[in-house]
PDB file of N, CA and C in Angstrom:
ATOM      1  N   UNK A   1      79.906 121.260  85.768  1.00  0.00           N
ATOM      2  CA  UNK A   1      80.138 120.042  86.695  1.00  0.00           C
ATOM      3  C   UNK A   1      80.525 120.793  88.101  1.00  0.00           C
ATOM      4  N   UNK A   2      80.221 120.155  89.227  1.00  0.00           N
ATOM      5  CA  UNK A   2      80.471 120.818  90.450  1.00  0.00           C
ATOM      6  C   UNK A   2      81.935 120.680  91.150  1.00  0.00           C
ATOM      7  N   UNK A   3      82.715 119.742  90.428  1.00  0.00           N
ATOM      8  CA  UNK A   3      83.974 119.525  91.104  1.00  0.00           C
ATOM      9  C   UNK A   3      84.008 119.311  92.581  1.00  0.00           C
ATOM     10  N   UNK A   4      85.029 119.420  93.259  1.00  0.00           N
ATOM     11  CA  UNK A   4      84.952 119.220  94.672  1.00  0.00           C
ATOM     12  C   UNK A   4      85.593 120.053  95.493  1.00  0.00           C
ATOM     13  N   UNK A   5      85.726 121.404  94.971  1.00  0.00           N
ATOM     14  CA  UNK A   5      86.641 122.484  95.701  1.00  0.00           C
ATOM     15  C   UNK A   5      85.702 122.657  97.154  1.00  0.00           C
ATOM     16  N   UNK A   6      86.632 122.956  98.172  1.00  0.00           N
ATOM     17  CA  UNK A   6      86.134 123.141  99.341  1.00  0.00           C
ATOM     18  C   UNK A   6      86.859 124.396 100.074  1.00  0.00           C
ATOM     19  N   UNK A   7      86.165 125.197 100.669  1.00  0.00           N
ATOM     20  CA  UNK A   7      86.905 126.243 101.308  1.00  0.00           C
ATOM     21  C   UNK A   7      87.782 125.827 102.521  1.00  0.00           C
ATOM     22  N   UNK A   8      87.471 124.682 103.010  1.00  0.00           N
ATOM     23  CA  UNK A   8      88.071 124.118 104.227  1.00  0.00           C
ATOM     24  C   UNK A   8      89.502 123.512 103.891  1.00  0.00           C
ATOM     25  N   UNK A   9      89.857 123.495 102.822  1.00  0.00           N
ATOM     26  CA  UNK A   9      91.123 122.649 102.450  1.00  0.00           C
ATOM     27  C   UNK A   9      90.986 121.479 101.735  1.00  0.00           C
ATOM     28  N   UNK A  10      92.083 121.024 101.020  1.00  0.00           N
ATOM     29  CA  UNK A  10      91.844 119.861 100.167  1.00  0.00           C
ATOM     30  C   UNK A  10      92.232 118.378 100.929  1.00  0.00           C
ATOM     31  N   UNK A  11      92.682 118.554 102.128  1.00  0.00           N
ATOM     32  CA  UNK A  11      93.200 117.293 102.744  1.00  0.00           C
ATOM     33  C   UNK A  11      92.187 116.123 102.642  1.00  0.00           C
ATOM     34  N   UNK A  12      91.008 116.376 103.371  1.00  0.00           N
ATOM     35  CA  UNK A  12      90.021 115.297 103.548  1.00  0.00           C
ATOM     36  C   UNK A  12      89.470 114.984 102.145  1.00  0.00           C
ATOM     37  N   UNK A  13      89.176 116.055 101.315  1.00  0.00           N
ATOM     38  CA  UNK A  13      88.711 115.893  99.911  1.00  0.00           C
ATOM     39  C   UNK A  13      89.628 114.993  99.154  1.00  0.00           C
ATOM     40  N   UNK A  14      90.913 115.213  99.390  1.00  0.00           N
ATOM     41  CA  UNK A  14      91.817 114.326  98.436  1.00  0.00           C
ATOM     42  C   UNK A  14      91.747 112.941  99.044  1.00  0.00           C
ATOM     43  N   UNK A  15      91.694 112.767 100.407  1.00  0.00           N
ATOM     44  CA  UNK A  15      91.707 111.379 100.949  1.00  0.00           C
ATOM     45  C   UNK A  15      90.351 110.572 100.322  1.00  0.00           C
ATOM     46  N   UNK A  16      89.263 111.516 100.351  1.00  0.00           N
ATOM     47  CA  UNK A  16      88.155 110.793  99.961  1.00  0.00           C
ATOM     48  C   UNK A  16      88.035 110.472  98.288  1.00  0.00           C
ATOM     49  N   UNK A  17      88.628 111.259  97.555  1.00  0.00           N
ATOM     50  CA  UNK A  17      88.808 111.218  96.217  1.00  0.00           C
ATOM     51  C   UNK A  17      89.718 110.029  95.795  1.00  0.00           C
ATOM     52  N   UNK A  18      90.900 109.945  96.646  1.00  0.00           N
ATOM     53  CA  UNK A  18      91.763 108.875  96.312  1.00  0.00           C
ATOM     54  C   UNK A  18      91.067 107.624  96.796  1.00  0.00           C
ATOM     55  N   UNK A  19      90.486 107.466  97.705  1.00  0.00           N
ATOM     56  CA  UNK A  19      89.738 106.151  98.228  1.00  0.00           C
ATOM     57  C   UNK A  19      88.736 105.600  97.111  1.00  0.00           C
ATOM     58  N   UNK A  20      87.967 106.517  96.457  1.00  0.00           N
ATOM     59  CA  UNK A  20      87.010 106.221  95.473  1.00  0.00           C
ATOM     60  C   UNK A  20      87.875 105.816  94.257  1.00  0.00           C
ATOM     61  N   UNK A  21      88.816 106.548  93.831  1.00  0.00           N
ATOM     62  CA  UNK A  21      89.535 106.268  92.551  1.00  0.00           C
ATOM     63  C   UNK A  21      90.384 105.007  92.730  1.00  0.00           C
ATOM     64  N   UNK A  22      90.920 104.630  93.867  1.00  0.00           N
ATOM     65  CA  UNK A  22      91.701 103.438  94.030  1.00  0.00           C
ATOM     66  C   UNK A  22      90.868 102.205  94.155  1.00  0.00           C
ATOM     67  N   UNK A  23      89.677 102.477  94.756  1.00  0.00           N
ATOM     68  CA  UNK A  23      88.850 101.193  95.256  1.00  0.00           C
ATOM     69  C   UNK A  23      87.510 101.072  94.542  1.00  0.00           C
ATOM     70  N   UNK A  24      87.045 102.150  93.842  1.00  0.00           N
ATOM     71  CA  UNK A  24      85.732 102.386  93.289  1.00  0.00           C
ATOM     72  C   UNK A  24      84.646 102.220  94.102  1.00  0.00           C
ATOM     73  N   UNK A  25      84.911 102.427  95.542  1.00  0.00           N
ATOM     74  CA  UNK A  25      84.171 102.288  96.530  1.00  0.00           C
ATOM     75  C   UNK A  25      83.914 103.712  97.240  1.00  0.00           C
ATOM     76  N   UNK A  26      82.858 104.152  97.637  1.00  0.00           N
ATOM     77  CA  UNK A  26      82.670 105.480  98.281  1.00  0.00           C
ATOM     78  C   UNK A  26      82.010 106.522  97.255  1.00  0.00           C
ATOM     79  N   UNK A  27      81.492 105.915  96.155  1.00  0.00           N
ATOM     80  CA  UNK A  27      80.846 106.910  95.291  1.00  0.00           C
ATOM     81  C   UNK A  27      80.333 106.031  94.013  1.00  0.00           C
ATOM     82  N   UNK A  28      80.200 106.781  93.100  1.00  0.00           N
ATOM     83  CA  UNK A  28      79.751 106.087  91.845  1.00  0.00           C
ATOM     84  C   UNK A  28      80.800 106.218  90.661  1.00  0.00           C
ATOM     85  N   UNK A  29      80.921 105.208  89.737  1.00  0.00           N
ATOM     86  CA  UNK A  29      81.975 105.167  88.725  1.00  0.00           C
ATOM     87  C   UNK A  29      81.074 105.115  87.585  1.00  0.00           C
ATOM     88  N   UNK A  30      81.360 105.867  86.592  1.00  0.00           N
ATOM     89  CA  UNK A  30      80.659 106.050  85.338  1.00  0.00           C
ATOM     90  C   UNK A  30      81.796 105.855  84.186  1.00  0.00           C
ATOM     91  N   UNK A  31      81.315 105.059  83.329  1.00  0.00           N
ATOM     92  CA  UNK A  31      82.204 104.840  82.157  1.00  0.00           C
ATOM     93  C   UNK A  31      81.302 105.628  80.982  1.00  0.00           C
ATOM     94  N   UNK A  32      81.983 106.483  80.250  1.00  0.00           N
ATOM     95  CA  UNK A  32      81.417 106.803  78.976  1.00  0.00           C
ATOM     96  C   UNK A  32      81.044 105.793  77.998  1.00  0.00           C
ATOM     97  N   UNK A  33      80.216 106.079  77.058  1.00  0.00           N
ATOM     98  CA  UNK A  33      80.041 104.997  75.888  1.00  0.00           C
ATOM     99  C   UNK A  33      81.241 104.596  75.238  1.00  0.00           C
ATOM    100  N   UNK A  34      82.048 105.478  75.089  1.00  0.00           N
ATOM    101  CA  UNK A  34      83.476 105.298  74.333  1.00  0.00           C
ATOM    102  C   UNK A  34      84.200 104.261  75.129  1.00  0.00           C
ATOM    103  N   UNK A  35      84.347 104.479  76.585  1.00  0.00           N
ATOM    104  CA  UNK A  35      85.194 103.529  77.397  1.00  0.00           C
ATOM    105  C   UNK A  35      84.398 102.305  77.378  1.00  0.00           C
ATOM    106  N   UNK A  36      83.088 102.337  77.764  1.00  0.00           N
ATOM    107  CA  UNK A  36      82.306 100.916  77.645  1.00  0.00           C
ATOM    108  C   UNK A  36      82.430 100.251  76.539  1.00  0.00           C
ATOM    109  N   UNK A  37      82.612 100.769  75.362  1.00  0.00           N
ATOM    110  CA  UNK A  37      82.858 100.013  74.048  1.00  0.00           C
ATOM    111  C   UNK A  37      84.229  99.559  73.700  1.00  0.00           C
ATOM    112  N   UNK A  38      85.050  99.867  74.566  1.00  0.00           N
ATOM    113  CA  UNK A  38      86.399  99.123  74.379  1.00  0.00           C
ATOM    114  C   UNK A  38      86.454  97.750  74.648  1.00  0.00           C
ATOM    115  N   UNK A  39      87.412  97.058  74.003  1.00  0.00           N
ATOM    116  CA  UNK A  39      87.461  95.700  74.089  1.00  0.00           C
ATOM    117  C   UNK A  39      87.741  95.389  75.651  1.00  0.00           C
ATOM    118  N   UNK A  40      87.196  94.123  76.237  1.00  0.00           N
ATOM    119  CA  UNK A  40      87.096  94.010  77.555  1.00  0.00           C
ATOM    120  C   UNK A  40      88.671  94.111  78.326  1.00  0.00           C
ATOM    121  N   UNK A  41      89.584  93.425  77.524  1.00  0.00           N
ATOM    122  CA  UNK A  41      91.050  93.482  78.114  1.00  0.00           C
ATOM    123  C   UNK A  41      91.398  94.925  78.226  1.00  0.00           C
ATOM    124  N   UNK A  42      91.180  95.795  77.200  1.00  0.00           N
ATOM    125  CA  UNK A  42      91.555  97.212  77.166  1.00  0.00           C
ATOM    126  C   UNK A  42      90.949  97.904  78.234  1.00  0.00           C
ATOM    127  N   UNK A  43      89.393  97.794  78.384  1.00  0.00           N
ATOM    128  CA  UNK A  43      88.820  98.480  79.488  1.00  0.00           C
ATOM    129  C   UNK A  43      89.409  98.015  80.759  1.00  0.00           C
ATOM    130  N   UNK A  44      89.844  96.881  81.036  1.00  0.00           N
ATOM    131  CA  UNK A  44      90.015  96.262  82.271  1.00  0.00           C
ATOM    132  C   UNK A  44      91.559  96.952  82.500  1.00  0.00           C
ATOM    133  N   UNK A  45      92.340  97.285  81.430  1.00  0.00           N
ATOM    134  CA  UNK A  45      93.568  97.884  81.712  1.00  0.00           C
ATOM    135  C   UNK A  45      93.630  99.359  82.120  1.00  0.00           C
ATOM    136  N   UNK A  46      92.495  99.966  81.268  1.00  0.00           N
ATOM    137  CA  UNK A  46      92.261 101.417  81.621  1.00  0.00           C
ATOM    138  C   UNK A  46      91.811 101.365  83.042  1.00  0.00           C
ATOM    139  N   UNK A  47      90.931 100.590  83.556  1.00  0.00           N
ATOM    140  CA  UNK A  47      90.399 100.740  84.945  1.00  0.00           C
ATOM    141  C   UNK A  47      91.509 100.613  85.873  1.00  0.00           C
ATOM    142  N   UNK A  48      92.407  99.779  85.563  1.00  0.00           N
ATOM    143  CA  UNK A  48      93.504  99.470  86.523  1.00  0.00           C
ATOM    144  C   UNK A  48      94.590 100.523  86.539  1.00  0.00           C
ATOM    145  N   UNK A  49      94.768 101.178  85.371  1.00  0.00           N
ATOM    146  CA  UNK A  49      95.579 102.380  85.300  1.00  0.00           C
ATOM    147  C   UNK A  49      95.061 103.490  86.055  1.00  0.00           C
ATOM    148  N   UNK A  50      93.554 103.654  85.890  1.00  0.00           N
ATOM    149  CA  UNK A  50      92.995 104.783  86.762  1.00  0.00           C
ATOM    150  C   UNK A  50      93.174 104.582  88.273  1.00  0.00           C
ATOM    151  N   UNK A  51      92.926 103.395  88.693  1.00  0.00           N
ATOM    152  CA  UNK A  51      93.225 102.969  90.025  1.00  0.00           C
ATOM    153  C   UNK A  51      94.599 103.199  90.641  1.00  0.00           C
ATOM    154  N   UNK A  52      95.555 102.976  89.632  1.00  0.00           N
ATOM    155  CA  UNK A  52      97.019 103.126  90.259  1.00  0.00           C
ATOM    156  C   UNK A  52      97.466 104.571  90.034  1.00  0.00           C
ATOM    157  N   UNK A  53      96.714 105.271  89.337  1.00  0.00           N
ATOM    158  CA  UNK A  53      97.406 106.715  88.985  1.00  0.00           C
ATOM    159  C   UNK A  53      97.783 107.385  90.206  1.00  0.00           C
ATOM    160  N   UNK A  54      98.965 107.882  90.270  1.00  0.00           N
ATOM    161  CA  UNK A  54      99.513 108.589  91.215  1.00  0.00           C
ATOM    162  C   UNK A  54     100.521 109.851  90.686  1.00  0.00           C
ATOM    163  N   UNK A  55     100.471 110.248  89.649  1.00  0.00           N
ATOM    164  CA  UNK A  55     101.379 111.293  89.108  1.00  0.00           C
ATOM    165  C   UNK A  55     100.726 112.750  89.174  1.00  0.00           C
ATOM    166  N   UNK A  56     100.263 112.992  90.451  1.00  0.00           N
ATOM    167  CA  UNK A  56      99.832 114.247  90.709  1.00  0.00           C
ATOM    168  C   UNK A  56     100.994 115.406  90.717  1.00  0.00           C
ATOM    169  N   UNK A  57     100.728 116.496  90.294  1.00  0.00           N
ATOM    170  CA  UNK A  57     101.837 117.647  90.377  1.00  0.00           C
ATOM    171  C   UNK A  57     101.035 118.730  90.471  1.00  0.00           C
ATOM    172  N   UNK A  58     101.675 119.973  90.566  1.00  0.00           N
ATOM    173  CA  UNK A  58     101.108 121.195  90.566  1.00  0.00           C
ATOM    174  C   UNK A  58     100.426 121.778  89.115  1.00  0.00           C
ATOM    175  N   UNK A  59     100.982 121.145  88.241  1.00  0.00           N
ATOM    176  CA  UNK A  59     100.407 121.446  86.926  1.00  0.00           C
ATOM    177  C   UNK A  59      99.065 120.771  86.803  1.00  0.00           C
ATOM    178  N   UNK A  60      98.976 119.413  87.091  1.00  0.00           N
ATOM    179  CA  UNK A  60      97.535 118.813  86.929  1.00  0.00           C
ATOM    180  C   UNK A  60      96.538 118.731  88.030  1.00  0.00           C
ATOM    181  N   UNK A  61      97.261 119.109  89.184  1.00  0.00           N
ATOM    182  CA  UNK A  61      96.445 119.094  90.356  1.00  0.00           C
ATOM    183  C   UNK A  61      96.698 120.340  91.099  1.00  0.00           C
ATOM    184  N   UNK A  62      96.204 121.504  90.774  1.00  0.00           N
ATOM    185  CA  UNK A  62      96.716 122.678  91.278  1.00  0.00           C
ATOM    186  C   UNK A  62      95.952 122.999  92.660  1.00  0.00           C
ATOM    187  N   UNK A  63      94.742 122.249  93.035  1.00  0.00           N
ATOM    188  CA  UNK A  63      94.040 122.491  94.321  1.00  0.00           C
ATOM    189  C   UNK A  63      94.529 121.399  95.182  1.00  0.00           C
ATOM    190  N   UNK A  64      95.339 120.475  94.866  1.00  0.00           N
ATOM    191  CA  UNK A  64      95.742 119.139  95.604  1.00  0.00           C
ATOM    192  C   UNK A  64      94.680 118.336  96.183  1.00  0.00           C
ATOM    193  N   UNK A  65      93.571 118.271  95.205  1.00  0.00           N
ATOM    194  CA  UNK A  65      92.347 117.354  95.424  1.00  0.00           C
ATOM    195  C   UNK A  65      92.357 116.073  94.926  1.00  0.00           C
ATOM    196  N   UNK A  66      93.213 115.924  93.934  1.00  0.00           N
ATOM    197  CA  UNK A  66      93.313 114.408  93.243  1.00  0.00           C
ATOM    198  C   UNK A  66      91.986 114.164  92.599  1.00  0.00           C
ATOM    199  N   UNK A  67      91.521 115.362  91.815  1.00  0.00           N
ATOM    200  CA  UNK A  67      90.064 115.103  91.259  1.00  0.00           C
ATOM    201  C   UNK A  67      90.200 114.938  89.727  1.00  0.00           C
ATOM    202  N   UNK A  68      91.317 114.912  88.984  1.00  0.00           N
ATOM    203  CA  UNK A  68      91.472 114.713  87.727  1.00  0.00           C
ATOM    204  C   UNK A  68      92.848 114.029  87.259  1.00  0.00           C
ATOM    205  N   UNK A  69      92.691 113.383  86.204  1.00  0.00           N
ATOM    206  CA  UNK A  69      93.919 112.748  85.727  1.00  0.00           C
ATOM    207  C   UNK A  69      93.858 112.215  84.402  1.00  0.00           C
ATOM    208  N   UNK A  70      94.949 111.807  83.812  1.00  0.00           N
ATOM    209  CA  UNK A  70      94.955 111.194  82.439  1.00  0.00           C
ATOM    210  C   UNK A  70      95.807 110.050  82.372  1.00  0.00           C
ATOM    211  N   UNK A  71      95.343 108.904  81.793  1.00  0.00           N
ATOM    212  CA  UNK A  71      96.235 107.770  81.413  1.00  0.00           C
ATOM    213  C   UNK A  71      96.126 107.207  80.036  1.00  0.00           C
ATOM    214  N   UNK A  72      97.219 106.724  79.550  1.00  0.00           N
ATOM    215  CA  UNK A  72      97.215 106.060  78.295  1.00  0.00           C
ATOM    216  C   UNK A  72      97.613 104.615  78.347  1.00  0.00           C
ATOM    217  N   UNK A  73      96.621 103.855  77.762  1.00  0.00           N
ATOM    218  CA  UNK A  73      96.874 102.419  78.012  1.00  0.00           C
ATOM    219  C   UNK A  73      96.713 101.780  76.361  1.00  0.00           C
ATOM    220  N   UNK A  74      97.577 101.103  75.913  1.00  0.00           N
ATOM    221  CA  UNK A  74      97.528 100.544  74.530  1.00  0.00           C
ATOM    222  C   UNK A  74      97.268 101.399  73.468  1.00  0.00           C
ATOM    223  N   UNK A  75      97.697 102.780  73.543  1.00  0.00           N
ATOM    224  CA  UNK A  75      97.320 103.819  72.647  1.00  0.00           C
ATOM    225  C   UNK A  75      96.009 104.419  72.868  1.00  0.00           C
ATOM    226  N   UNK A  76      95.251 104.225  73.886  1.00  0.00           N
ATOM    227  CA  UNK A  76      93.959 104.818  74.232  1.00  0.00           C
ATOM    228  C   UNK A  76      94.243 105.859  75.238  1.00  0.00           C
ATOM    229  N   UNK A  77      93.957 106.983  75.009  1.00  0.00           N
ATOM    230  CA  UNK A  77      94.140 108.275  76.101  1.00  0.00           C
ATOM    231  C   UNK A  77      92.934 108.445  76.788  1.00  0.00           C
ATOM    232  N   UNK A  78      92.833 108.274  77.979  1.00  0.00           N
ATOM    233  CA  UNK A  78      91.685 108.383  78.962  1.00  0.00           C
ATOM    234  C   UNK A  78      91.701 109.489  79.829  1.00  0.00           C
ATOM    235  N   UNK A  79      90.795 110.368  80.161  1.00  0.00           N
ATOM    236  CA  UNK A  79      90.664 111.385  81.259  1.00  0.00           C
ATOM    237  C   UNK A  79      89.763 110.587  82.340  1.00  0.00           C
ATOM    238  N   UNK A  80      90.001 110.856  83.615  1.00  0.00           N
ATOM    239  CA  UNK A  80      89.090 110.737  84.583  1.00  0.00           C
ATOM    240  C   UNK A  80      88.991 111.878  85.464  1.00  0.00           C
ATOM    241  N   UNK A  81      87.744 111.967  85.873  1.00  0.00           N
ATOM    242  CA  UNK A  81      87.292 113.168  86.792  1.00  0.00           C
ATOM    243  C   UNK A  81      86.567 112.766  88.060  1.00  0.00           C
ATOM    244  N   UNK A  82      86.567 113.357  88.978  1.00  0.00           N
ATOM    245  CA  UNK A  82      85.799 113.184  90.215  1.00  0.00           C
ATOM    246  C   UNK A  82      84.962 114.594  90.430  1.00  0.00           C
ATOM    247  N   UNK A  83      83.717 114.388  90.482  1.00  0.00           N
ATOM    248  CA  UNK A  83      82.867 115.571  90.756  1.00  0.00           C
ATOM    249  C   UNK A  83      82.064 115.246  92.136  1.00  0.00           C
ATOM    250  N   UNK A  84      81.738 116.279  92.786  1.00  0.00           N
ATOM    251  CA  UNK A  84      81.036 116.034  94.058  1.00  0.00           C
ATOM    252  C   UNK A  84      79.730 116.640  94.005  1.00  0.00           C
ATOM    253  N   UNK A  85      78.723 115.923  94.086  1.00  0.00           N
ATOM    254  CA  UNK A  85      77.469 116.501  94.074  1.00  0.00           C
ATOM    255  C   UNK A  85      76.661 116.249  95.590  1.00  0.00           C
ATOM    256  N   UNK A  86      75.567 116.856  95.651  1.00  0.00           N
ATOM    257  CA  UNK A  86      74.752 116.679  96.747  1.00  0.00           C
ATOM    258  C   UNK A  86      74.343 115.066  96.687  1.00  0.00           C
ATOM    259  N   UNK A  87      73.477 114.591  97.713  1.00  0.00           N
ATOM    260  CA  UNK A  87      73.109 113.253  97.890  1.00  0.00           C
ATOM    261  C   UNK A  87      72.043 113.140  96.764  1.00  0.00           C
ATOM    262  N   UNK A  88      71.181 113.953  96.438  1.00  0.00           N
ATOM    263  CA  UNK A  88      70.245 113.910  95.427  1.00  0.00           C
ATOM    264  C   UNK A  88      70.870 113.994  93.997  1.00  0.00           C
ATOM    265  N   UNK A  89      72.091 114.314  93.828  1.00  0.00           N
ATOM    266  CA  UNK A  89      72.860 114.561  92.471  1.00  0.00           C
ATOM    267  C   UNK A  89      72.091 115.390  91.680  1.00  0.00           C
ATOM    268  N   UNK A  90      71.501 116.486  92.396  1.00  0.00           N
ATOM    269  CA  UNK A  90      71.010 117.800  91.714  1.00  0.00           C
ATOM    270  C   UNK A  90      71.839 118.944  91.790  1.00  0.00           C
ATOM    271  N   UNK A  91      72.823 118.980  92.578  1.00  0.00           N
ATOM    272  CA  UNK A  91      73.714 120.196  92.649  1.00  0.00           C
ATOM    273  C   UNK A  91      75.041 119.901  93.302  1.00  0.00           C
ATOM    274  N   UNK A  92      75.917 120.806  93.303  1.00  0.00           N
ATOM    275  CA  UNK A  92      77.137 120.643  93.824  1.00  0.00           C
ATOM    276  C   UNK A  92      77.013 120.476  95.321  1.00  0.00           C
ATOM    277  N   UNK A  93      77.965 119.503  95.989  1.00  0.00           N
ATOM    278  CA  UNK A  93      77.846 119.341  97.325  1.00  0.00           C
ATOM    279  C   UNK A  93      78.237 120.554  98.028  1.00  0.00           C
ATOM    280  N   UNK A  94      77.416 120.940  99.293  1.00  0.00           N
ATOM    281  CA  UNK A  94      77.844 122.056  99.959  1.00  0.00           C
ATOM    282  C   UNK A  94      79.039 121.821 100.875  1.00  0.00           C
ATOM    283  N   UNK A  95      79.299 120.465 101.001  1.00  0.00           N
ATOM    284  CA  UNK A  95      80.579 120.228 102.007  1.00  0.00           C
ATOM    285  C   UNK A  95      81.235 119.045 101.372  1.00  0.00           C
ATOM    286  N   UNK A  96      82.098 119.224 100.315  1.00  0.00           N
ATOM    287  CA  UNK A  96      82.668 117.737  99.669  1.00  0.00           C
ATOM    288  C   UNK A  96      83.531 117.085 100.603  1.00  0.00           C
ATOM    289  N   UNK A  97      83.861 117.699 101.675  1.00  0.00           N
ATOM    290  CA  UNK A  97      84.763 116.893 102.788  1.00  0.00           C
ATOM    291  C   UNK A  97      83.965 115.957 103.608  1.00  0.00           C
ATOM    292  N   UNK A  98      82.663 116.060 103.515  1.00  0.00           N
ATOM    293  CA  UNK A  98      81.468 115.422 104.448  1.00  0.00           C
ATOM    294  C   UNK A  98      80.796 114.622 103.447  1.00  0.00           C
ATOM    295  N   UNK A  99      81.317 113.165 103.759  1.00  0.00           N
ATOM    296  CA  UNK A  99      80.612 112.123 102.811  1.00  0.00           C
ATOM    297  C   UNK A  99      79.264 111.764 103.120  1.00  0.00           C
ATOM    298  N   UNK A 100      78.673 112.429 104.285  1.00  0.00           N
ATOM    299  CA  UNK A 100      77.219 112.062 104.592  1.00  0.00           C
ATOM    300  C   UNK A 100      76.417 113.286 103.844  1.00  0.00           C
ATOM    301  N   UNK A 101      76.890 114.113 103.211  1.00  0.00           N
ATOM    302  CA  UNK A 101      76.128 115.012 102.436  1.00  0.00           C
ATOM    303  C   UNK A 101      76.626 115.045 100.984  1.00  0.00           C
ATOM    304  N   UNK A 102      77.586 114.312 100.505  1.00  0.00           N
ATOM    305  CA  UNK A 102      78.120 114.312  99.343  1.00  0.00           C
ATOM    306  C   UNK A 102      78.194 112.932  98.540  1.00  0.00           C
ATOM    307  N   UNK A 103      77.919 112.859  97.217  1.00  0.00           N
ATOM    308  CA  UNK A 103      77.818 111.648  96.552  1.00  0.00           C
ATOM    309  C   UNK A 103      79.247 111.956  95.495  1.00  0.00           C
ATOM    310  N   UNK A 104      80.186 111.357  95.428  1.00  0.00           N
ATOM    311  CA  UNK A 104      81.158 111.583  94.535  1.00  0.00           C
ATOM    312  C   UNK A 104      81.044 110.661  93.348  1.00  0.00           C
ATOM    313  N   UNK A 105      81.130 111.045  92.198  1.00  0.00           N
ATOM    314  CA  UNK A 105      80.975 110.573  90.823  1.00  0.00           C
ATOM    315  C   UNK A 105      82.300 110.747  90.091  1.00  0.00           C
ATOM    316  N   UNK A 106      82.905 109.489  89.763  1.00  0.00           N
ATOM    317  CA  UNK A 106      84.210 109.255  89.135  1.00  0.00           C
ATOM    318  C   UNK A 106      83.758 108.857  87.820  1.00  0.00           C
ATOM    319  N   UNK A 107      83.959 109.727  86.835  1.00  0.00           N
ATOM    320  CA  UNK A 107      83.672 109.670  85.302  1.00  0.00           C
ATOM    321  C   UNK A 107      85.069 109.298  84.538  1.00  0.00           C
ATOM    322  N   UNK A 108      84.977 108.233  83.855  1.00  0.00           N
ATOM    323  CA  UNK A 108      86.257 107.833  82.987  1.00  0.00           C
ATOM    324  C   UNK A 108      85.743 107.880  81.584  1.00  0.00           C
ATOM    325  N   UNK A 109      86.430 108.781  80.808  1.00  0.00           N
ATOM    326  CA  UNK A 109      86.143 108.937  79.458  1.00  0.00           C
ATOM    327  C   UNK A 109      87.380 109.001  78.323  1.00  0.00           C
ATOM    328  N   UNK A 110      86.958 108.849  77.189  1.00  0.00           N
ATOM    329  CA  UNK A 110      88.008 108.899  76.324  1.00  0.00           C
ATOM    330  C   UNK A 110      88.374 110.388  76.216  1.00  0.00           C
ATOM    331  N   UNK A 111      89.534 110.782  75.776  1.00  0.00           N
ATOM    332  CA  UNK A 111      89.927 112.085  75.733  1.00  0.00           C
ATOM    333  C   UNK A 111      88.923 113.051  74.797  1.00  0.00           C
ATOM    334  N   UNK A 112      88.744 112.406  73.689  1.00  0.00           N
ATOM    335  CA  UNK A 112      87.768 113.067  72.672  1.00  0.00           C
ATOM    336  C   UNK A 112      86.375 113.359  73.103  1.00  0.00           C
ATOM    337  N   UNK A 113      86.071 112.716  74.263  1.00  0.00           N
ATOM    338  CA  UNK A 113      84.480 112.703  74.790  1.00  0.00           C
ATOM    339  C   UNK A 113      84.454 114.032  75.853  1.00  0.00           C
ATOM    340  N   UNK A 114      85.793 114.511  76.109  1.00  0.00           N
ATOM    341  CA  UNK A 114      85.882 115.438  77.359  1.00  0.00           C
ATOM    342  C   UNK A 114      85.335 116.644  76.689  1.00  0.00           C
TER     343      UNK A 114
END
């Protein structure tokens, strides 16, 4: 997976990643089969928890890009991650800080699907 690392620093990448995660706007949101199969009320709670996530620290966010997290809702443990692709979705973005050349993909998955 391409991730979202950028040599120019994480500030702009972090802002774009946060915007996608909080609003589900500014990229694509993908649910794995396991998350999609959760009961509707659980799935909605998982999506709300991903949107609200703000427990970033140096252990879970070493590059300060806010591109990965984990939440537990009703006993269901979920990972979410953001990858930065080129606009054609064929390779890593050459400049993840530039949304005109980048497509962000937020994937939400059960931990056992990672």
